[in-house]
């Protein structure tokens, strides 16, 4: 039979844990609102930027003298994976899904004879994969988004990617992150950053066969050379915003579930405590009555 003191201590411990998870849920909910607004506000700009780049770049694909970030290096031997996770845990499967997808993608590329390099944004995936892919890790950037994701932070990551590309350290760059859909749903997304992927059609305009003709000033070469690095920063910024919103949504959901589970455990332990206490009282009464009858 359990000890009453141990049961009481355990109930007290679970109640303390419940207070912590409840507080973390409220904090995550407050942060989620701001992060969600930021991610949703940035989506139209990022989509328009990519659409405009696609329009300008579509006429330059395969043309001699096209920028390397558009044309690529002419080979696909070395792949850089930019992995976006959180610096902290306690957010359900948020970090685990990205880690598993990165591991799967890295093994698939290696099976094809490719060289894989990993650039981590966030600590959790790095902590899990650092032993398995120790020779492939380029760097791990931490501390981004502690007070909200800033564009300067995203540009720092983008500048590092561009510098590595210009130094010839990789041929293809892909960013892996969680795209926010709702507090309970995050979609693992792989987006190719380098070389810029030009779509074959322009949505409704191309489908209808009525593509407009644009006249650019300055010429297309100058525009594309200026916009490609800027687009890199915008797409990384968007990915970090999506990842931040997904992290807070996953943490809020996980802490809500933990709080409810703690409540169920408290109810179960309280029931066990009351039954055990009643059994002790009944036993003592029987002993008193038995002693009185013996006299």
C-alpha atoms as a PDB file:
ATOM      1  CA  UNK A   1       0.000   0.000   0.000  1.00  0.00           C
ATOM      2  CA  UNK A   2       1.460   3.440  -0.942  1.00  0.00           C
ATOM      3  CA  UNK A   3       2.708   5.730   1.788  1.00  0.00           C
ATOM      4  CA  UNK A   4       0.409   8.709   2.428  1.00  0.00           C
ATOM      5  CA  UNK A   5       3.320  11.101   2.714  1.00  0.00           C
ATOM      6  CA  UNK A   6       4.782   9.959  -0.609  1.00  0.00           C
ATOM      7  CA  UNK A   7       1.422  10.368  -2.320  1.00  0.00           C
ATOM      8  CA  UNK A   8       0.982  13.849  -0.855  1.00  0.00           C
ATOM      9  CA  UNK A   9       4.475  14.872  -2.007  1.00  0.00           C
ATOM     10  CA  UNK A  10       3.812  13.528  -5.480  1.00  0.00           C
ATOM     11  CA  UNK A  11       0.514  15.412  -5.752  1.00  0.00           C
ATOM     12  CA  UNK A  12       2.284  18.595  -4.691  1.00  0.00           C
ATOM     13  CA  UNK A  13       5.019  17.987  -7.265  1.00  0.00           C
ATOM     14  CA  UNK A  14       2.539  17.433 -10.103  1.00  0.00           C
ATOM     15  CA  UNK A  15       0.632  20.590  -9.111  1.00  0.00           C
ATOM     16  CA  UNK A  16       3.866  22.595  -9.312  1.00  0.00           C
ATOM     17  CA  UNK A  17       4.566  21.115 -12.742  1.00  0.00           C
ATOM     18  CA  UNK A  18       1.029  21.977 -13.833  1.00  0.00           C
ATOM     19  CA  UNK A  19       1.539  25.610 -12.843  1.00  0.00           C
ATOM     20  CA  UNK A  20       4.742  25.731 -14.910  1.00  0.00           C
ATOM     21  CA  UNK A  21       3.177  24.166 -18.019  1.00  0.00           C
ATOM     22  CA  UNK A  22       0.139  26.432 -17.714  1.00  0.00           C
ATOM     23  CA  UNK A  23       2.371  29.506 -17.521  1.00  0.00           C
ATOM     24  CA  UNK A  24       4.426  28.313 -20.515  1.00  0.00           C
ATOM     25  CA  UNK A  25       1.220  27.783 -22.478  1.00  0.00           C
ATOM     26  CA  UNK A  26       0.082  31.374 -21.837  1.00  0.00           C
ATOM     27  CA  UNK A  27       3.495  32.776 -22.748  1.00  0.00           C
ATOM     28  CA  UNK A  28       3.581  30.704 -25.951  1.00  0.00           C
ATOM     29  CA  UNK A  29       0.049  31.850 -26.825  1.00  0.00           C
ATOM     30  CA  UNK A  30       1.062  35.503 -26.435  1.00  0.00           C
ATOM     31  CA  UNK A  31       4.185  35.001 -28.566  1.00  0.00           C
ATOM     32  CA  UNK A  32       2.259  32.963 -31.135  1.00  0.00           C
ATOM     33  CA  UNK A  33      -0.095  35.830 -31.884  1.00  0.00           C
ATOM     34  CA  UNK A  34       2.750  38.203 -32.716  1.00  0.00           C
ATOM     35  CA  UNK A  35       4.721  35.554 -34.631  1.00  0.00           C
ATOM     36  CA  UNK A  36       1.658  34.496 -36.624  1.00  0.00           C
ATOM     37  CA  UNK A  37       0.871  38.081 -37.565  1.00  0.00           C
ATOM     38  CA  UNK A  38       4.473  38.586 -38.667  1.00  0.00           C
ATOM     39  CA  UNK A  39       4.549  35.407 -40.768  1.00  0.00           C
ATOM     40  CA  UNK A  40       1.205  36.135 -42.449  1.00  0.00           C
ATOM     41  CA  UNK A  41       2.163  39.764 -43.116  1.00  0.00           C
ATOM     42  CA  UNK A  42       5.445  38.747 -44.763  1.00  0.00           C
ATOM     43  CA  UNK A  43       3.961  36.082 -47.043  1.00  0.00           C
ATOM     44  CA  UNK A  44       2.537  38.437 -49.716  1.00  0.00           C
ATOM     45  CA  UNK A  45       5.835  40.321 -50.013  1.00  0.00           C
ATOM     46  CA  UNK A  46       7.903  37.140 -50.284  1.00  0.00           C
ATOM     47  CA  UNK A  47       5.496  35.666 -52.847  1.00  0.00           C
ATOM     48  CA  UNK A  48       5.455  38.862 -54.935  1.00  0.00           C
ATOM     49  CA  UNK A  49       9.240  39.113 -54.795  1.00  0.00           C
ATOM     50  CA  UNK A  50       9.594  35.539 -56.025  1.00  0.00           C
ATOM     51  CA  UNK A  51       6.948  36.102 -58.702  1.00  0.00           C
ATOM     52  CA  UNK A  52       8.645  39.225 -60.023  1.00  0.00           C
ATOM     53  CA  UNK A  53      12.035  37.496 -60.012  1.00  0.00           C
ATOM     54  CA  UNK A  54      10.499  34.585 -61.868  1.00  0.00           C
ATOM     55  CA  UNK A  55       9.162  36.996 -64.498  1.00  0.00           C
ATOM     56  CA  UNK A  56      12.543  38.667 -64.992  1.00  0.00           C
ATOM     57  CA  UNK A  57      14.586  35.472 -64.803  1.00  0.00           C
ATOM     58  CA  UNK A  58      12.417  33.419 -67.182  1.00  0.00           C
ATOM     59  CA  UNK A  59      13.923  35.230 -70.180  1.00  0.00           C
ATOM     60  CA  UNK A  60      17.497  34.713 -68.939  1.00  0.00           C
ATOM     61  CA  UNK A  61      17.495  30.973 -68.273  1.00  0.00           C
ATOM     62  CA  UNK A  62      20.094  29.280 -70.435  1.00  0.00           C
ATOM     63  CA  UNK A  63      21.500  32.597 -71.671  1.00  0.00           C
ATOM     64  CA  UNK A  64      25.271  33.062 -71.486  1.00  0.00           C
ATOM     65  CA  UNK A  65      26.293  35.527 -68.804  1.00  0.00           C
ATOM     66  CA  UNK A  66      23.357  34.795 -66.481  1.00  0.00           C
ATOM     67  CA  UNK A  67      24.194  35.358 -62.786  1.00  0.00           C
ATOM     68  CA  UNK A  68      25.526  32.230 -61.011  1.00  0.00           C
ATOM     69  CA  UNK A  69      22.748  32.422 -58.406  1.00  0.00           C
ATOM     70  CA  UNK A  70      20.285  31.970 -61.289  1.00  0.00           C
ATOM     71  CA  UNK A  71      22.211  29.693 -63.639  1.00  0.00           C
ATOM     72  CA  UNK A  72      23.979  27.669 -60.946  1.00  0.00           C
ATOM     73  CA  UNK A  73      27.469  26.251 -61.208  1.00  0.00           C
ATOM     74  CA  UNK A  74      26.617  23.763 -63.937  1.00  0.00           C
ATOM     75  CA  UNK A  75      26.766  20.799 -61.562  1.00  0.00           C
ATOM     76  CA  UNK A  76      24.978  19.434 -58.500  1.00  0.00           C
ATOM     77  CA  UNK A  77      27.720  17.616 -56.646  1.00  0.00           C
ATOM     78  CA  UNK A  78      27.592  19.498 -53.322  1.00  0.00           C
ATOM     79  CA  UNK A  79      24.356  20.320 -51.499  1.00  0.00           C
ATOM     80  CA  UNK A  80      24.018  22.747 -48.612  1.00  0.00           C
ATOM     81  CA  UNK A  81      21.053  22.112 -46.308  1.00  0.00           C
ATOM     82  CA  UNK A  82      19.989  25.057 -44.132  1.00  0.00           C
ATOM     83  CA  UNK A  83      18.080  23.501 -41.213  1.00  0.00           C
ATOM     84  CA  UNK A  84      15.747  25.732 -39.162  1.00  0.00           C
ATOM     85  CA  UNK A  85      14.786  24.490 -35.700  1.00  0.00           C
ATOM     86  CA  UNK A  86      14.392  26.017 -32.230  1.00  0.00           C
ATOM     87  CA  UNK A  87      16.992  26.717 -29.562  1.00  0.00           C
ATOM     88  CA  UNK A  88      14.692  25.201 -26.914  1.00  0.00           C
ATOM     89  CA  UNK A  89      12.600  22.089 -26.560  1.00  0.00           C
ATOM     90  CA  UNK A  90       9.205  21.437 -24.937  1.00  0.00           C
ATOM     91  CA  UNK A  91       7.422  22.083 -28.225  1.00  0.00           C
ATOM     92  CA  UNK A  92       6.072  18.680 -29.145  1.00  0.00           C
ATOM     93  CA  UNK A  93       7.267  17.212 -32.432  1.00  0.00           C
ATOM     94  CA  UNK A  94       8.370  20.555 -33.906  1.00  0.00           C
ATOM     95  CA  UNK A  95      12.111  19.861 -33.728  1.00  0.00           C
ATOM     96  CA  UNK A  96      11.788  16.117 -34.279  1.00  0.00           C
ATOM     97  CA  UNK A  97      10.023  16.390 -37.647  1.00  0.00           C
ATOM     98  CA  UNK A  98      12.671  18.735 -39.046  1.00  0.00           C
ATOM     99  CA  UNK A  99      15.478  16.538 -37.696  1.00  0.00           C
ATOM    100  CA  UNK A 100      14.015  13.385 -39.243  1.00  0.00           C
ATOM    101  CA  UNK A 101      13.419  15.090 -42.592  1.00  0.00           C
ATOM    102  CA  UNK A 102      16.975  16.460 -42.632  1.00  0.00           C
ATOM    103  CA  UNK A 103      18.431  13.041 -41.829  1.00  0.00           C
ATOM    104  CA  UNK A 104      16.318  11.437 -44.560  1.00  0.00           C
ATOM    105  CA  UNK A 105      17.263  14.071 -47.142  1.00  0.00           C
ATOM    106  CA  UNK A 106      20.966  13.890 -46.272  1.00  0.00           C
ATOM    107  CA  UNK A 107      21.030  10.090 -46.591  1.00  0.00           C
ATOM    108  CA  UNK A 108      19.182  10.240 -49.930  1.00  0.00           C
ATOM    109  CA  UNK A 109      21.700  12.730 -51.320  1.00  0.00           C
ATOM    110  CA  UNK A 110      24.646  10.697 -50.065  1.00  0.00           C
ATOM    111  CA  UNK A 111      23.161   7.562 -51.622  1.00  0.00           C
ATOM    112  CA  UNK A 112      23.223   9.441 -54.955  1.00  0.00           C
ATOM    113  CA  UNK A 113      26.922  10.165 -54.489  1.00  0.00           C
ATOM    114  CA  UNK A 114      26.422  13.808 -53.500  1.00  0.00           C
ATOM    115  CA  UNK A 115      28.360  15.721 -50.865  1.00  0.00           C
ATOM    116  CA  UNK A 116      26.161  17.135 -48.095  1.00  0.00           C
ATOM    117  CA  UNK A 117      26.883  20.175 -45.939  1.00  0.00           C
ATOM    118  CA  UNK A 118      24.694  21.308 -43.044  1.00  0.00           C
ATOM    119  CA  UNK A 119      24.117  24.840 -41.771  1.00  0.00           C
ATOM    120  CA  UNK A 120      21.947  24.844 -38.640  1.00  0.00           C
ATOM    121  CA  UNK A 121      19.777  27.772 -37.573  1.00  0.00           C
ATOM    122  CA  UNK A 122      18.757  26.775 -34.053  1.00  0.00           C
ATOM    123  CA  UNK A 123      20.358  24.451 -31.525  1.00  0.00           C
ATOM    124  CA  UNK A 124      18.089  21.389 -31.277  1.00  0.00           C
ATOM    125  CA  UNK A 125      18.718  19.742 -34.677  1.00  0.00           C
ATOM    126  CA  UNK A 126      22.445  20.413 -34.288  1.00  0.00           C
ATOM    127  CA  UNK A 127      22.484  18.660 -30.919  1.00  0.00           C
ATOM    128  CA  UNK A 128      20.796  15.581 -32.386  1.00  0.00           C
ATOM    129  CA  UNK A 129      22.727  15.314 -35.672  1.00  0.00           C
ATOM    130  CA  UNK A 130      26.181  16.528 -34.643  1.00  0.00           C
ATOM    131  CA  UNK A 131      27.517  13.016 -34.055  1.00  0.00           C
ATOM    132  CA  UNK A 132      25.977  11.392 -37.124  1.00  0.00           C
ATOM    133  CA  UNK A 133      27.025  14.198 -39.510  1.00  0.00           C
ATOM    134  CA  UNK A 134      30.021  15.655 -37.673  1.00  0.00           C
ATOM    135  CA  UNK A 135      32.075  16.014 -40.881  1.00  0.00           C
ATOM    136  CA  UNK A 136      29.232  17.706 -42.771  1.00  0.00           C
ATOM    137  CA  UNK A 137      28.433  20.535 -40.346  1.00  0.00           C
ATOM    138  CA  UNK A 138      29.464  23.970 -41.569  1.00  0.00           C
ATOM    139  CA  UNK A 139      28.139  26.124 -38.725  1.00  0.00           C
ATOM    140  CA  UNK A 140      25.331  26.445 -36.174  1.00  0.00           C
ATOM    141  CA  UNK A 141      23.652  29.829 -35.700  1.00  0.00           C
ATOM    142  CA  UNK A 142      21.798  30.223 -32.391  1.00  0.00           C
ATOM    143  CA  UNK A 143      19.955  33.006 -30.591  1.00  0.00           C
ATOM    144  CA  UNK A 144      17.824  34.109 -33.568  1.00  0.00           C
ATOM    145  CA  UNK A 145      14.303  35.230 -32.725  1.00  0.00           C
ATOM    146  CA  UNK A 146      14.602  35.541 -28.957  1.00  0.00           C
ATOM    147  CA  UNK A 147      12.732  38.843 -29.128  1.00  0.00           C
ATOM    148  CA  UNK A 148      11.124  38.220 -32.475  1.00  0.00           C
ATOM    149  CA  UNK A 149      12.804  37.488 -35.795  1.00  0.00           C
ATOM    150  CA  UNK A 150      14.516  40.553 -37.273  1.00  0.00           C
ATOM    151  CA  UNK A 151      15.341  41.024 -40.944  1.00  0.00           C
ATOM    152  CA  UNK A 152      18.948  41.828 -40.039  1.00  0.00           C
ATOM    153  CA  UNK A 153      19.263  38.353 -38.480  1.00  0.00           C
ATOM    154  CA  UNK A 154      17.920  36.748 -41.642  1.00  0.00           C
ATOM    155  CA  UNK A 155      20.298  38.802 -43.788  1.00  0.00           C
ATOM    156  CA  UNK A 156      23.188  37.585 -41.645  1.00  0.00           C
ATOM    157  CA  UNK A 157      22.290  33.985 -42.521  1.00  0.00           C
ATOM    158  CA  UNK A 158      21.666  34.899 -46.184  1.00  0.00           C
ATOM    159  CA  UNK A 159      25.022  36.704 -46.448  1.00  0.00           C
ATOM    160  CA  UNK A 160      26.785  33.622 -45.074  1.00  0.00           C
ATOM    161  CA  UNK A 161      25.082  31.421 -47.678  1.00  0.00           C
ATOM    162  CA  UNK A 162      25.970  33.827 -50.512  1.00  0.00           C
ATOM    163  CA  UNK A 163      29.593  34.059 -49.333  1.00  0.00           C
ATOM    164  CA  UNK A 164      29.897  30.263 -49.276  1.00  0.00           C
ATOM    165  CA  UNK A 165      28.372  30.034 -52.762  1.00  0.00           C
ATOM    166  CA  UNK A 166      30.700  32.659 -54.194  1.00  0.00           C
ATOM    167  CA  UNK A 167      33.614  30.752 -52.661  1.00  0.00           C
ATOM    168  CA  UNK A 168      32.498  27.632 -54.527  1.00  0.00           C
ATOM    169  CA  UNK A 169      31.728  25.621 -51.390  1.00  0.00           C
ATOM    170  CA  UNK A 170      28.441  24.193 -52.710  1.00  0.00           C
ATOM    171  CA  UNK A 171      26.333  23.923 -55.861  1.00  0.00           C
ATOM    172  CA  UNK A 172      22.758  23.710 -54.559  1.00  0.00           C
ATOM    173  CA  UNK A 173      21.254  25.229 -51.404  1.00  0.00           C
ATOM    174  CA  UNK A 174      17.979  24.071 -49.858  1.00  0.00           C
ATOM    175  CA  UNK A 175      16.356  25.421 -46.704  1.00  0.00           C
ATOM    176  CA  UNK A 176      14.302  23.038 -44.528  1.00  0.00           C
ATOM    177  CA  UNK A 177      11.760  24.567 -42.150  1.00  0.00           C
ATOM    178  CA  UNK A 178       8.269  24.199 -40.704  1.00  0.00           C
ATOM    179  CA  UNK A 179       5.639  26.276 -42.524  1.00  0.00           C
ATOM    180  CA  UNK A 180       2.955  27.524 -40.134  1.00  0.00           C
ATOM    181  CA  UNK A 181      -0.590  26.418 -40.899  1.00  0.00           C
ATOM    182  CA  UNK A 182      -2.241  26.433 -37.474  1.00  0.00           C
ATOM    183  CA  UNK A 183      -1.317  26.054 -33.828  1.00  0.00           C
ATOM    184  CA  UNK A 184      -1.716  22.294 -34.205  1.00  0.00           C
ATOM    185  CA  UNK A 185      -0.370  21.844 -37.746  1.00  0.00           C
ATOM    186  CA  UNK A 186       3.072  22.664 -39.115  1.00  0.00           C
ATOM    187  CA  UNK A 187       4.133  21.540 -42.583  1.00  0.00           C
ATOM    188  CA  UNK A 188       7.746  20.464 -43.179  1.00  0.00           C
ATOM    189  CA  UNK A 189       8.894  22.417 -46.241  1.00  0.00           C
ATOM    190  CA  UNK A 190      11.949  22.144 -48.473  1.00  0.00           C
ATOM    191  CA  UNK A 191      12.657  25.244 -50.558  1.00  0.00           C
ATOM    192  CA  UNK A 192      15.544  25.569 -53.008  1.00  0.00           C
ATOM    193  CA  UNK A 193      17.339  28.888 -52.641  1.00  0.00           C
ATOM    194  CA  UNK A 194      20.319  28.455 -54.994  1.00  0.00           C
ATOM    195  CA  UNK A 195      20.109  28.267 -57.938  1.00  0.00           C
ATOM    196  CA  UNK A 196      16.870  30.232 -58.121  1.00  0.00           C
ATOM    197  CA  UNK A 197      14.132  27.913 -59.368  1.00  0.00           C
ATOM    198  CA  UNK A 198      12.244  29.496 -62.260  1.00  0.00           C
ATOM    199  CA  UNK A 199       8.633  28.328 -62.586  1.00  0.00           C
ATOM    200  CA  UNK A 200       7.447  27.169 -65.981  1.00  0.00           C
ATOM    201  CA  UNK A 201       4.239  29.186 -65.840  1.00  0.00           C
ATOM    202  CA  UNK A 202       2.931  32.413 -64.392  1.00  0.00           C
ATOM    203  CA  UNK A 203      -0.181  31.149 -62.592  1.00  0.00           C
ATOM    204  CA  UNK A 204      -3.410  32.453 -64.117  1.00  0.00           C
ATOM    205  CA  UNK A 205      -1.759  34.634 -66.735  1.00  0.00           C
ATOM    206  CA  UNK A 206       0.219  31.759 -68.187  1.00  0.00           C
ATOM    207  CA  UNK A 207      -2.713  29.361 -67.926  1.00  0.00           C
ATOM    208  CA  UNK A 208      -4.867  31.741 -69.952  1.00  0.00           C
ATOM    209  CA  UNK A 209      -2.109  32.245 -72.516  1.00  0.00           C
ATOM    210  CA  UNK A 210      -2.116  36.026 -71.995  1.00  0.00           C
ATOM    211  CA  UNK A 211       1.292  36.841 -70.566  1.00  0.00           C
ATOM    212  CA  UNK A 212       1.995  40.571 -70.361  1.00  0.00           C
ATOM    213  CA  UNK A 213       5.181  42.046 -71.783  1.00  0.00           C
ATOM    214  CA  UNK A 214       7.221  44.128 -69.325  1.00  0.00           C
ATOM    215  CA  UNK A 215       9.775  46.809 -70.151  1.00  0.00           C
ATOM    216  CA  UNK A 216      12.404  47.100 -67.413  1.00  0.00           C
ATOM    217  CA  UNK A 217      14.507  50.091 -66.437  1.00  0.00           C
ATOM    218  CA  UNK A 218      17.405  49.529 -65.859  1.00  0.00           C
ATOM    219  CA  UNK A 219      17.912  46.450 -67.996  1.00  0.00           C
ATOM    220  CA  UNK A 220      17.174  42.916 -66.851  1.00  0.00           C
ATOM    221  CA  UNK A 221      20.809  42.041 -66.091  1.00  0.00           C
ATOM    222  CA  UNK A 222      21.148  44.823 -63.528  1.00  0.00           C
ATOM    223  CA  UNK A 223      17.755  44.111 -61.976  1.00  0.00           C
ATOM    224  CA  UNK A 224      18.409  40.390 -61.585  1.00  0.00           C
ATOM    225  CA  UNK A 225      21.891  40.991 -60.138  1.00  0.00           C
ATOM    226  CA  UNK A 226      20.387  43.325 -57.536  1.00  0.00           C
ATOM    227  CA  UNK A 227      17.282  41.290 -56.719  1.00  0.00           C
ATOM    228  CA  UNK A 228      18.778  37.799 -56.374  1.00  0.00           C
ATOM    229  CA  UNK A 229      20.752  38.555 -53.166  1.00  0.00           C
ATOM    230  CA  UNK A 230      17.828  40.588 -51.819  1.00  0.00           C
ATOM    231  CA  UNK A 231      15.434  37.742 -52.583  1.00  0.00           C
ATOM    232  CA  UNK A 232      17.739  35.384 -50.701  1.00  0.00           C
ATOM    233  CA  UNK A 233      17.374  37.515 -47.575  1.00  0.00           C
ATOM    234  CA  UNK A 234      13.595  37.781 -48.033  1.00  0.00           C
ATOM    235  CA  UNK A 235      13.118  34.021 -48.441  1.00  0.00           C
ATOM    236  CA  UNK A 236      15.332  33.216 -45.438  1.00  0.00           C
ATOM    237  CA  UNK A 237      13.448  35.843 -43.410  1.00  0.00           C
ATOM    238  CA  UNK A 238      10.121  34.309 -44.421  1.00  0.00           C
ATOM    239  CA  UNK A 239      11.349  30.820 -43.493  1.00  0.00           C
ATOM    240  CA  UNK A 240      12.512  32.036 -40.072  1.00  0.00           C
ATOM    241  CA  UNK A 241       9.179  33.778 -39.458  1.00  0.00           C
ATOM    242  CA  UNK A 242       7.278  30.622 -40.414  1.00  0.00           C
ATOM    243  CA  UNK A 243       9.551  28.535 -38.195  1.00  0.00           C
ATOM    244  CA  UNK A 244       9.105  30.913 -35.247  1.00  0.00           C
ATOM    245  CA  UNK A 245       5.306  30.878 -35.536  1.00  0.00           C
ATOM    246  CA  UNK A 246       5.336  27.096 -35.868  1.00  0.00           C
ATOM    247  CA  UNK A 247       7.539  26.759 -32.782  1.00  0.00           C
ATOM    248  CA  UNK A 248       5.241  28.870 -30.591  1.00  0.00           C
ATOM    249  CA  UNK A 249       2.155  27.099 -31.919  1.00  0.00           C
ATOM    250  CA  UNK A 250       3.676  23.683 -31.240  1.00  0.00           C
ATOM    251  CA  UNK A 251       4.804  24.754 -27.762  1.00  0.00           C
ATOM    252  CA  UNK A 252       1.364  26.137 -26.884  1.00  0.00           C
ATOM    253  CA  UNK A 253      -0.294  22.905 -28.018  1.00  0.00           C
ATOM    254  CA  UNK A 254       2.245  20.738 -26.174  1.00  0.00           C
ATOM    255  CA  UNK A 255       1.942  22.719 -22.935  1.00  0.00           C
ATOM    256  CA  UNK A 256      -1.850  22.663 -23.134  1.00  0.00           C
ATOM    257  CA  UNK A 257      -1.736  18.886 -23.465  1.00  0.00           C
ATOM    258  CA  UNK A 258       0.780  18.631 -20.603  1.00  0.00           C
ATOM    259  CA  UNK A 259      -1.406  20.811 -18.368  1.00  0.00           C
ATOM    260  CA  UNK A 260      -4.454  18.651 -19.015  1.00  0.00           C
ATOM    261  CA  UNK A 261      -2.447  15.468 -18.446  1.00  0.00           C
ATOM    262  CA  UNK A 262      -1.177  16.885 -15.151  1.00  0.00           C
ATOM    263  CA  UNK A 263      -4.761  17.605 -14.113  1.00  0.00           C
ATOM    264  CA  UNK A 264      -5.761  14.016 -14.894  1.00  0.00           C
ATOM    265  CA  UNK A 265      -2.783  12.720 -12.923  1.00  0.00           C
ATOM    266  CA  UNK A 266      -3.665  14.932  -9.940  1.00  0.00           C
ATOM    267  CA  UNK A 267      -7.228  13.584  -9.970  1.00  0.00           C
ATOM    268  CA  UNK A 268      -5.961  10.013 -10.110  1.00  0.00           C
ATOM    269  CA  UNK A 269      -3.397  10.553  -7.329  1.00  0.00           C
ATOM    270  CA  UNK A 270      -5.966  12.346  -5.157  1.00  0.00           C
ATOM    271  CA  UNK A 271      -8.357   9.420  -5.540  1.00  0.00           C
ATOM    272  CA  UNK A 272      -5.581   6.989  -4.597  1.00  0.00           C
ATOM    273  CA  UNK A 273      -4.620   9.188  -1.628  1.00  0.00           C
ATOM    274  CA  UNK A 274      -8.204   9.306  -0.328  1.00  0.00           C
ATOM    275  CA  UNK A 275      -8.658   5.559  -0.714  1.00  0.00           C
ATOM    276  CA  UNK A 276      -5.358   4.844   1.025  1.00  0.00           C
ATOM    277  CA  UNK A 277      -6.192   7.255   3.848  1.00  0.00           C
ATOM    278  CA  UNK A 278      -9.621   5.663   4.259  1.00  0.00           C
ATOM    279  CA  UNK A 279      -8.013   2.220   4.382  1.00  0.00           C
ATOM    280  CA  UNK A 280      -5.592   3.349   7.121  1.00  0.00           C
ATOM    281  CA  UNK A 281      -8.454   4.829   9.171  1.00  0.00           C
ATOM    282  CA  UNK A 282     -10.539   1.674   8.755  1.00  0.00           C
ATOM    283  CA  UNK A 283      -7.594  -0.481   9.801  1.00  0.00           C
ATOM    284  CA  UNK A 284      -7.014   1.613  12.948  1.00  0.00           C
ATOM    285  CA  UNK A 285     -10.721   1.448  13.870  1.00  0.00           C
ATOM    286  CA  UNK A 286     -10.709  -2.329  13.499  1.00  0.00           C
ATOM    287  CA  UNK A 287      -7.639  -2.567  15.737  1.00  0.00           C
ATOM    288  CA  UNK A 288      -9.281  -0.350  18.391  1.00  0.00           C
ATOM    289  CA  UNK A 289     -12.550  -2.336  18.308  1.00  0.00           C
ATOM    290  CA  UNK A 290     -10.692  -5.644  18.407  1.00  0.00           C
ATOM    291  CA  UNK A 291      -8.664  -4.468  21.408  1.00  0.00           C
ATOM    292  CA  UNK A 292     -11.795  -3.282  23.234  1.00  0.00           C
ATOM    293  CA  UNK A 293     -13.555  -6.608  22.659  1.00  0.00           C
ATOM    294  CA  UNK A 294     -10.522  -8.507  23.928  1.00  0.00           C
ATOM    295  CA  UNK A 295     -10.762  -6.661  27.242  1.00  0.00           C
END
